[in-house]
Amino acid sequence: MKLDLHISPCPNDTFMFEAMLHGRVDTEGLEFNLHLADIEQLNTIARLHQTDICKISYAVLPEIAGRYGVLRSGSAMGRGNGPLLVCRQKSSQKRSPKNSPDKSSENNSGSSSCKVS
């Protein structure tokens, strides 16, 4: 079976799926048509139900939850840029404007989702 896989060209996505796409792990006979796009395009593709597997923003998940399921791996969240660091103890590091959340990227923390048949 051949599935359409839509991801972004960002290093996180390409690293996450590299082994699967290049035969380094057993995909149990599944093959993939790789499509690269930016996150806004990916969100639209998922909203329109135009693919089998697609990276999305967490903000889009409620809209597509009835048609897609979230994979157990391949998820990342961030504030502005990069992963979100969470700690148990209160940090003494003060947030600078450079480390403040970027409001323009509120809908751009990616998640991978897979179509539920």
N, C-alpha and C. Protein backbone atom coordinates (compact mmCIF):
# COMPACT_ATOMS: atom_id res chain seq x y z
N MET A 1 0.85 -1.17 0.00
CA MET A 1 0.00 0.00 0.00
C MET A 1 0.90 1.23 0.00
N LYS A 2 0.55 2.22 -0.83
CA LYS A 2 1.30 3.47 -0.91
C LYS A 2 0.47 4.59 -0.29
N LEU A 3 1.06 5.30 0.66
CA LEU A 3 0.39 6.39 1.36
C LEU A 3 1.05 7.72 1.04
N ASP A 4 0.24 8.78 0.98
CA ASP A 4 0.77 10.13 0.82
C ASP A 4 1.20 10.65 2.19
N LEU A 5 2.43 11.12 2.27
CA LEU A 5 3.01 11.66 3.50
C LEU A 5 3.38 13.11 3.25
N HIS A 6 2.72 14.02 3.95
CA HIS A 6 2.99 15.45 3.83
C HIS A 6 3.68 15.93 5.11
N ILE A 7 4.90 16.43 4.97
CA ILE A 7 5.66 16.98 6.09
C ILE A 7 6.32 18.28 5.65
N SER A 8 6.89 18.99 6.60
CA SER A 8 7.62 20.21 6.25
C SER A 8 9.08 19.85 5.99
N PRO A 9 9.81 20.73 5.31
CA PRO A 9 11.22 20.47 5.07
C PRO A 9 12.12 20.81 6.26
N CYS A 10 11.52 21.09 7.42
CA CYS A 10 12.33 21.45 8.59
C CYS A 10 13.13 20.23 9.07
N PRO A 11 14.27 20.46 9.70
CA PRO A 11 15.13 19.35 10.13
C PRO A 11 14.44 18.34 11.05
N ASN A 12 13.53 18.79 11.90
CA ASN A 12 12.82 17.85 12.78
C ASN A 12 12.05 16.82 11.97
N ASP A 13 11.30 17.28 10.99
CA ASP A 13 10.49 16.36 10.18
C ASP A 13 11.36 15.45 9.33
N THR A 14 12.34 16.02 8.66
CA THR A 14 13.16 15.20 7.78
C THR A 14 13.93 14.15 8.59
N PHE A 15 14.38 14.49 9.79
CA PHE A 15 15.06 13.53 10.65
C PHE A 15 14.09 12.44 11.11
N MET A 16 12.90 12.86 11.54
CA MET A 16 11.91 11.92 12.08
C MET A 16 11.52 10.84 11.08
N PHE A 17 11.39 11.21 9.82
CA PHE A 17 10.88 10.29 8.82
C PHE A 17 11.94 9.71 7.90
N GLU A 18 13.20 10.12 8.05
CA GLU A 18 14.27 9.68 7.16
C GLU A 18 14.41 8.16 7.09
N ALA A 19 14.48 7.50 8.23
CA ALA A 19 14.66 6.05 8.25
C ALA A 19 13.49 5.32 7.59
N MET A 20 12.30 5.79 7.84
CA MET A 20 11.11 5.18 7.27
C MET A 20 11.09 5.36 5.74
N LEU A 21 11.46 6.53 5.28
CA LEU A 21 11.42 6.82 3.85
C LEU A 21 12.53 6.15 3.06
N HIS A 22 13.64 5.82 3.73
CA HIS A 22 14.79 5.25 3.03
C HIS A 22 15.04 3.77 3.37
N GLY A 23 14.01 3.09 3.87
CA GLY A 23 14.10 1.65 4.07
C GLY A 23 14.98 1.19 5.22
N ARG A 24 15.25 2.08 6.18
CA ARG A 24 16.09 1.71 7.32
C ARG A 24 15.29 1.06 8.46
N VAL A 25 13.96 1.13 8.35
CA VAL A 25 13.08 0.44 9.30
C VAL A 25 12.03 -0.33 8.49
N ASP A 26 11.53 -1.39 9.08
CA ASP A 26 10.51 -2.21 8.42
C ASP A 26 9.17 -1.48 8.47
N THR A 27 8.65 -1.12 7.33
CA THR A 27 7.35 -0.46 7.26
C THR A 27 6.23 -1.45 6.93
N GLU A 28 6.55 -2.73 7.05
CA GLU A 28 5.58 -3.80 6.85
C GLU A 28 4.87 -3.67 5.50
N GLY A 29 5.64 -3.36 4.46
CA GLY A 29 5.10 -3.28 3.11
C GLY A 29 4.54 -1.94 2.71
N LEU A 30 4.45 -1.00 3.64
CA LEU A 30 3.94 0.33 3.30
C LEU A 30 5.00 1.11 2.54
N GLU A 31 4.56 1.86 1.55
CA GLU A 31 5.42 2.77 0.80
C GLU A 31 4.83 4.16 0.91
N PHE A 32 5.66 5.17 0.64
CA PHE A 32 5.22 6.54 0.87
C PHE A 32 5.56 7.45 -0.30
N ASN A 33 4.59 8.29 -0.67
CA ASN A 33 4.81 9.39 -1.61
C ASN A 33 5.08 10.62 -0.75
N LEU A 34 6.30 11.12 -0.77
CA LEU A 34 6.69 12.24 0.06
C LEU A 34 6.33 13.56 -0.60
N HIS A 35 5.70 14.46 0.18
CA HIS A 35 5.35 15.81 -0.26
C HIS A 35 5.84 16.77 0.81
N LEU A 36 6.60 17.79 0.42
CA LEU A 36 7.10 18.80 1.35
C LEU A 36 6.34 20.10 1.17
N ALA A 37 5.96 20.74 2.29
CA ALA A 37 5.23 22.01 2.24
C ALA A 37 5.42 22.74 3.56
N ASP A 38 5.15 24.05 3.56
CA ASP A 38 5.24 24.79 4.82
C ASP A 38 4.02 24.48 5.68
N ILE A 39 4.08 24.84 6.95
CA ILE A 39 3.06 24.41 7.91
C ILE A 39 1.67 24.94 7.57
N GLU A 40 1.56 26.14 7.05
CA GLU A 40 0.24 26.65 6.69
C GLU A 40 -0.38 25.83 5.56
N GLN A 41 0.44 25.46 4.59
CA GLN A 41 -0.05 24.60 3.51
C GLN A 41 -0.45 23.23 4.05
N LEU A 42 0.35 22.70 4.96
CA LEU A 42 0.04 21.39 5.56
C LEU A 42 -1.27 21.44 6.34
N ASN A 43 -1.48 22.52 7.09
CA ASN A 43 -2.74 22.67 7.82
C ASN A 43 -3.93 22.66 6.86
N THR A 44 -3.81 23.36 5.74
CA THR A 44 -4.88 23.40 4.75
C THR A 44 -5.12 22.03 4.14
N ILE A 45 -4.06 21.32 3.81
CA ILE A 45 -4.17 19.98 3.23
C ILE A 45 -4.93 19.05 4.20
N ALA A 46 -4.60 19.12 5.48
CA ALA A 46 -5.28 18.28 6.46
C ALA A 46 -6.74 18.71 6.63
N ARG A 47 -6.98 20.01 6.68
CA ARG A 47 -8.36 20.49 6.81
C ARG A 47 -9.24 20.02 5.65
N LEU A 48 -8.65 19.96 4.46
CA LEU A 48 -9.39 19.52 3.28
C LEU A 48 -9.37 18.01 3.09
N HIS A 49 -8.73 17.32 4.03
CA HIS A 49 -8.68 15.86 4.02
C HIS A 49 -8.07 15.34 2.72
N GLN A 50 -6.94 15.94 2.32
CA GLN A 50 -6.32 15.61 1.03
C GLN A 50 -5.10 14.70 1.13
N THR A 51 -4.86 14.05 2.26
CA THR A 51 -3.68 13.21 2.40
C THR A 51 -3.93 12.11 3.42
N ASP A 52 -3.03 11.15 3.43
CA ASP A 52 -3.12 10.05 4.40
C ASP A 52 -2.44 10.41 5.72
N ILE A 53 -1.23 10.97 5.62
CA ILE A 53 -0.44 11.33 6.81
C ILE A 53 0.05 12.76 6.62
N CYS A 54 -0.10 13.59 7.67
CA CYS A 54 0.23 15.01 7.51
C CYS A 54 0.68 15.62 8.83
N LYS A 55 1.76 16.38 8.75
CA LYS A 55 2.14 17.21 9.90
C LYS A 55 1.13 18.35 9.97
N ILE A 56 0.72 18.69 11.19
CA ILE A 56 -0.20 19.82 11.38
C ILE A 56 0.25 20.63 12.58
N SER A 57 -0.37 21.78 12.75
CA SER A 57 -0.22 22.57 13.97
C SER A 57 -1.21 22.03 15.00
N TYR A 58 -0.82 22.09 16.27
CA TYR A 58 -1.74 21.65 17.32
C TYR A 58 -3.05 22.41 17.26
N ALA A 59 -3.02 23.67 16.85
CA ALA A 59 -4.23 24.48 16.80
C ALA A 59 -5.26 23.93 15.83
N VAL A 60 -4.83 23.14 14.84
CA VAL A 60 -5.73 22.58 13.83
C VAL A 60 -6.35 21.25 14.29
N LEU A 61 -5.75 20.61 15.26
CA LEU A 61 -6.19 19.29 15.69
C LEU A 61 -7.69 19.20 16.01
N PRO A 62 -8.27 20.13 16.76
CA PRO A 62 -9.71 20.00 17.03
C PRO A 62 -10.58 19.97 15.76
N GLU A 63 -10.14 20.67 14.72
CA GLU A 63 -10.90 20.71 13.47
C GLU A 63 -10.86 19.38 12.72
N ILE A 64 -9.79 18.64 12.85
CA ILE A 64 -9.62 17.42 12.04
C ILE A 64 -9.68 16.14 12.86
N ALA A 65 -9.90 16.25 14.15
CA ALA A 65 -9.83 15.09 15.04
C ALA A 65 -10.78 13.96 14.63
N GLY A 66 -11.89 14.26 14.02
CA GLY A 66 -12.83 13.22 13.60
C GLY A 66 -12.37 12.45 12.38
N ARG A 67 -11.41 13.00 11.65
CA ARG A 67 -10.94 12.37 10.41
C ARG A 67 -9.51 11.84 10.51
N TYR A 68 -8.74 12.30 11.47
CA TYR A 68 -7.35 11.89 11.64
C TYR A 68 -7.11 11.49 13.09
N GLY A 69 -6.12 10.66 13.32
CA GLY A 69 -5.68 10.31 14.65
C GLY A 69 -4.25 10.77 14.84
N VAL A 70 -3.87 11.06 16.07
CA VAL A 70 -2.52 11.54 16.36
C VAL A 70 -1.59 10.34 16.52
N LEU A 71 -0.44 10.40 15.84
CA LEU A 71 0.57 9.35 16.00
C LEU A 71 1.21 9.44 17.38
N ARG A 72 1.75 8.36 17.86
CA ARG A 72 2.38 8.34 19.18
C ARG A 72 3.75 9.00 19.20
N SER A 73 4.32 9.26 18.06
CA SER A 73 5.63 9.91 18.01
C SER A 73 5.59 11.02 16.97
N GLY A 74 6.59 11.89 17.02
CA GLY A 74 6.70 12.92 16.01
C GLY A 74 6.04 14.23 16.39
N SER A 75 5.94 14.52 17.66
CA SER A 75 5.28 15.73 18.11
C SER A 75 6.29 16.71 18.69
N ALA A 76 6.09 17.99 18.43
CA ALA A 76 6.96 19.03 18.99
C ALA A 76 6.13 20.27 19.29
N MET A 77 6.48 20.93 20.36
CA MET A 77 5.83 22.20 20.72
C MET A 77 6.93 23.21 21.01
N GLY A 78 6.65 24.45 20.74
CA GLY A 78 7.63 25.49 21.02
C GLY A 78 6.97 26.83 21.23
N ARG A 79 7.75 27.75 21.74
CA ARG A 79 7.31 29.13 21.90
C ARG A 79 8.21 29.97 21.02
N GLY A 80 7.67 30.44 19.94
CA GLY A 80 8.46 31.25 19.05
C GLY A 80 9.29 30.41 18.11
N ASN A 81 10.30 29.76 18.65
CA ASN A 81 11.19 28.97 17.81
C ASN A 81 11.83 27.88 18.67
N GLY A 82 11.81 26.67 18.20
CA GLY A 82 12.44 25.57 18.92
C GLY A 82 11.50 24.89 19.89
N PRO A 83 11.97 23.83 20.53
CA PRO A 83 11.11 23.07 21.44
C PRO A 83 10.83 23.84 22.73
N LEU A 84 9.74 23.50 23.37
CA LEU A 84 9.36 24.10 24.64
C LEU A 84 10.05 23.32 25.76
N LEU A 85 10.84 24.00 26.57
CA LEU A 85 11.54 23.37 27.68
C LEU A 85 10.68 23.49 28.92
N VAL A 86 10.42 22.37 29.57
CA VAL A 86 9.59 22.33 30.77
C VAL A 86 10.43 21.77 31.90
N CYS A 87 10.36 22.40 33.10
CA CYS A 87 11.11 21.90 34.24
C CYS A 87 10.22 21.89 35.47
N ARG A 88 10.58 21.07 36.46
CA ARG A 88 9.79 20.96 37.69
C ARG A 88 10.03 22.15 38.62
N GLN A 89 11.27 22.60 38.69
CA GLN A 89 11.62 23.68 39.60
C GLN A 89 11.54 25.02 38.90
N LYS A 90 11.22 26.05 39.66
CA LYS A 90 11.14 27.39 39.10
C LYS A 90 12.52 27.81 38.63
N SER A 91 12.59 28.29 37.41
CA SER A 91 13.85 28.72 36.83
C SER A 91 14.19 30.13 37.30
N SER A 92 15.47 30.36 37.55
CA SER A 92 15.91 31.69 37.93
C SER A 92 16.21 32.55 36.70
N GLN A 93 16.17 31.93 35.52
CA GLN A 93 16.45 32.67 34.29
C GLN A 93 15.27 33.55 33.94
N LYS A 94 15.55 34.82 33.71
CA LYS A 94 14.50 35.75 33.33
C LYS A 94 14.28 35.71 31.83
N ARG A 95 13.05 35.87 31.44
CA ARG A 95 12.70 35.86 30.02
C ARG A 95 13.02 37.23 29.42
N SER A 96 13.76 37.20 28.36
CA SER A 96 14.06 38.44 27.64
C SER A 96 13.08 38.55 26.48
N PRO A 97 12.93 39.74 25.89
CA PRO A 97 12.05 39.85 24.73
C PRO A 97 12.41 38.87 23.62
N LYS A 98 13.71 38.55 23.51
CA LYS A 98 14.15 37.60 22.49
C LYS A 98 13.55 36.21 22.75
N ASN A 99 13.33 35.85 24.03
CA ASN A 99 12.81 34.53 24.39
C ASN A 99 11.30 34.51 24.59
N SER A 100 10.64 35.64 24.33
CA SER A 100 9.20 35.72 24.51
C SER A 100 8.48 34.99 23.39
N PRO A 101 7.26 34.49 23.69
CA PRO A 101 6.51 33.81 22.64
C PRO A 101 6.25 34.72 21.45
N ASP A 102 6.33 34.19 20.28
CA ASP A 102 6.07 34.92 19.05
C ASP A 102 4.61 34.71 18.68
N LYS A 103 3.81 35.76 18.78
CA LYS A 103 2.37 35.64 18.52
C LYS A 103 2.07 35.22 17.09
N SER A 104 2.97 35.52 16.16
CA SER A 104 2.70 35.15 14.77
C SER A 104 2.80 33.65 14.55
N SER A 105 3.38 32.92 15.50
CA SER A 105 3.54 31.48 15.31
C SER A 105 2.65 30.65 16.23
N GLU A 106 1.59 31.25 16.76
CA GLU A 106 0.70 30.52 17.68
C GLU A 106 0.15 29.25 17.07
N ASN A 107 -0.09 29.25 15.77
CA ASN A 107 -0.67 28.08 15.11
C ASN A 107 0.39 27.26 14.40
N ASN A 108 1.63 27.39 14.79
CA ASN A 108 2.69 26.72 14.05
C ASN A 108 3.46 25.70 14.85
N SER A 109 2.93 25.21 15.95
CA SER A 109 3.61 24.10 16.62
C SER A 109 3.06 22.82 16.01
N GLY A 110 3.94 22.04 15.39
CA GLY A 110 3.53 20.92 14.55
C GLY A 110 3.19 19.65 15.29
N SER A 111 2.33 18.88 14.72
CA SER A 111 1.99 17.54 15.19
C SER A 111 1.84 16.67 13.96
N SER A 112 2.12 15.42 14.10
CA SER A 112 1.85 14.51 13.00
C SER A 112 0.53 13.82 13.25
N SER A 113 -0.23 13.64 12.22
CA SER A 113 -1.50 12.95 12.35
C SER A 113 -1.66 11.96 11.22
N CYS A 114 -2.49 10.98 11.45
CA CYS A 114 -2.68 9.90 10.47
C CYS A 114 -4.18 9.68 10.28
N LYS A 115 -4.60 9.50 9.04
CA LYS A 115 -6.01 9.32 8.73
C LYS A 115 -6.56 8.05 9.39
N VAL A 116 -7.73 8.16 9.96
CA VAL A 116 -8.41 7.00 10.53
C VAL A 116 -9.43 6.53 9.50
N SER A 117 -9.32 5.26 9.11
CA SER A 117 -10.25 4.73 8.10
C SER A 117 -11.51 4.23 8.72
